[in-house]
Amino acid sequence: MKLLMQLPNRSTFSGKRDYAILRLLWDNPWRRGEIARLNIGDVNFSDRLIRIQEKAKQTYS
């Protein structure tokens, strides 16, 4: 895991994004889809909180 975390180039925007995604996947019990659905509005930087939206429940008939 240490090697994987060193791969993103954190001097670029995409590298910072990729590093943040890897940290979210490693440090939290969230699913990939929950992280993929994150928007900037889901992040509260001042309170250091992230709001995770659950997958919409589907009904079948």
C-alpha atoms as a PDB file:
ATOM      1  CA  MET A   1       0.000   0.000   0.000  1.00  0.00           C
ATOM      2  CA  LYS A   2       2.885   2.364   0.717  1.00  0.00           C
ATOM      3  CA  LEU A   3       4.115   1.971  -2.854  1.00  0.00           C
ATOM      4  CA  LEU A   4       0.629   2.558  -4.268  1.00  0.00           C
ATOM      5  CA  MET A   5       0.207   5.758  -2.229  1.00  0.00           C
ATOM      6  CA  GLN A   6       3.484   7.103  -3.659  1.00  0.00           C
ATOM      7  CA  LEU A   7       2.380   6.722  -7.286  1.00  0.00           C
ATOM      8  CA  PRO A   8       0.197   9.853  -7.731  1.00  0.00           C
ATOM      9  CA  ASN A   9       2.194  12.990  -8.555  1.00  0.00           C
ATOM     10  CA  ARG A  10       0.878  15.275  -5.817  1.00  0.00           C
ATOM     11  CA  SER A  11       2.338  18.372  -7.459  1.00  0.00           C
ATOM     12  CA  THR A  12      -0.457  18.244 -10.066  1.00  0.00           C
ATOM     13  CA  PHE A  13      -4.207  18.624  -9.631  1.00  0.00           C
ATOM     14  CA  SER A  14      -4.949  15.146 -10.989  1.00  0.00           C
ATOM     15  CA  GLY A  15      -2.280  13.651  -8.756  1.00  0.00           C
ATOM     16  CA  LYS A  16      -3.783  15.315  -5.680  1.00  0.00           C
ATOM     17  CA  ARG A  17      -7.216  14.039  -6.734  1.00  0.00           C
ATOM     18  CA  ASP A  18      -5.940  10.506  -7.273  1.00  0.00           C
ATOM     19  CA  TYR A  19      -4.144  10.529  -3.923  1.00  0.00           C
ATOM     20  CA  ALA A  20      -7.302  11.741  -2.165  1.00  0.00           C
ATOM     21  CA  ILE A  21      -9.351   8.970  -3.807  1.00  0.00           C
ATOM     22  CA  LEU A  22      -6.824   6.343  -2.749  1.00  0.00           C
ATOM     23  CA  ARG A  23      -6.877   7.661   0.822  1.00  0.00           C
ATOM     24  CA  LEU A  24     -10.679   7.573   0.888  1.00  0.00           C
ATOM     25  CA  LEU A  25     -10.674   3.989  -0.366  1.00  0.00           C
ATOM     26  CA  TRP A  26      -7.989   2.887   2.093  1.00  0.00           C
ATOM     27  CA  ASP A  27      -9.056   4.775   5.223  1.00  0.00           C
ATOM     28  CA  ASN A  28     -12.850   4.359   5.073  1.00  0.00           C
ATOM     29  CA  PRO A  29     -15.406   1.571   4.749  1.00  0.00           C
ATOM     30  CA  TRP A  30     -17.049   3.275   1.759  1.00  0.00           C
ATOM     31  CA  ARG A  31     -17.785   1.567  -1.526  1.00  0.00           C
ATOM     32  CA  ARG A  32     -16.141   2.632  -4.779  1.00  0.00           C
ATOM     33  CA  GLY A  33     -19.480   3.848  -6.131  1.00  0.00           C
ATOM     34  CA  GLU A  34     -20.056   6.067  -3.113  1.00  0.00           C
ATOM     35  CA  ILE A  35     -16.704   7.728  -3.636  1.00  0.00           C
ATOM     36  CA  ALA A  36     -17.292   8.008  -7.388  1.00  0.00           C
ATOM     37  CA  ARG A  37     -20.553   9.904  -6.756  1.00  0.00           C
ATOM     38  CA  LEU A  38     -18.856  12.547  -4.566  1.00  0.00           C
ATOM     39  CA  ASN A  39     -19.136  16.170  -5.656  1.00  0.00           C
ATOM     40  CA  ILE A  40     -17.298  19.181  -4.293  1.00  0.00           C
ATOM     41  CA  GLY A  41     -20.534  20.198  -2.524  1.00  0.00           C
ATOM     42  CA  ASP A  42     -20.363  16.987  -0.483  1.00  0.00           C
ATOM     43  CA  VAL A  43     -17.143  18.142   1.188  1.00  0.00           C
ATOM     44  CA  ASN A  44     -17.253  20.529   4.137  1.00  0.00           C
ATOM     45  CA  PHE A  45     -13.663  21.720   4.414  1.00  0.00           C
ATOM     46  CA  SER A  46     -14.133  23.850   7.527  1.00  0.00           C
ATOM     47  CA  ASP A  47     -15.669  20.969   9.528  1.00  0.00           C
ATOM     48  CA  ARG A  48     -13.546  18.328   7.741  1.00  0.00           C
ATOM     49  CA  LEU A  49     -16.622  16.253   6.876  1.00  0.00           C
ATOM     50  CA  ILE A  50     -17.693  14.394   3.750  1.00  0.00           C
ATOM     51  CA  ARG A  51     -21.351  13.615   3.086  1.00  0.00           C
ATOM     52  CA  ILE A  52     -21.765  10.213   1.443  1.00  0.00           C
ATOM     53  CA  GLN A  53     -24.892   9.580  -0.597  1.00  0.00           C
ATOM     54  CA  GLU A  54     -26.172   6.053  -0.520  1.00  0.00           C
ATOM     55  CA  LYS A  55     -27.053   4.327  -3.742  1.00  0.00           C
ATOM     56  CA  ALA A  56     -30.649   5.107  -4.683  1.00  0.00           C
ATOM     57  CA  LYS A  57     -32.977   2.270  -3.838  1.00  0.00           C
ATOM     58  CA  GLN A  58     -34.543   0.815  -6.957  1.00  0.00           C
ATOM     59  CA  THR A  59     -37.983  -0.743  -7.073  1.00  0.00           C
ATOM     60  CA  TYR A  60     -38.954  -3.409  -9.542  1.00  0.00           C
ATOM     61  CA  SER A  61     -42.390  -4.364 -10.719  1.00  0.00           C
END
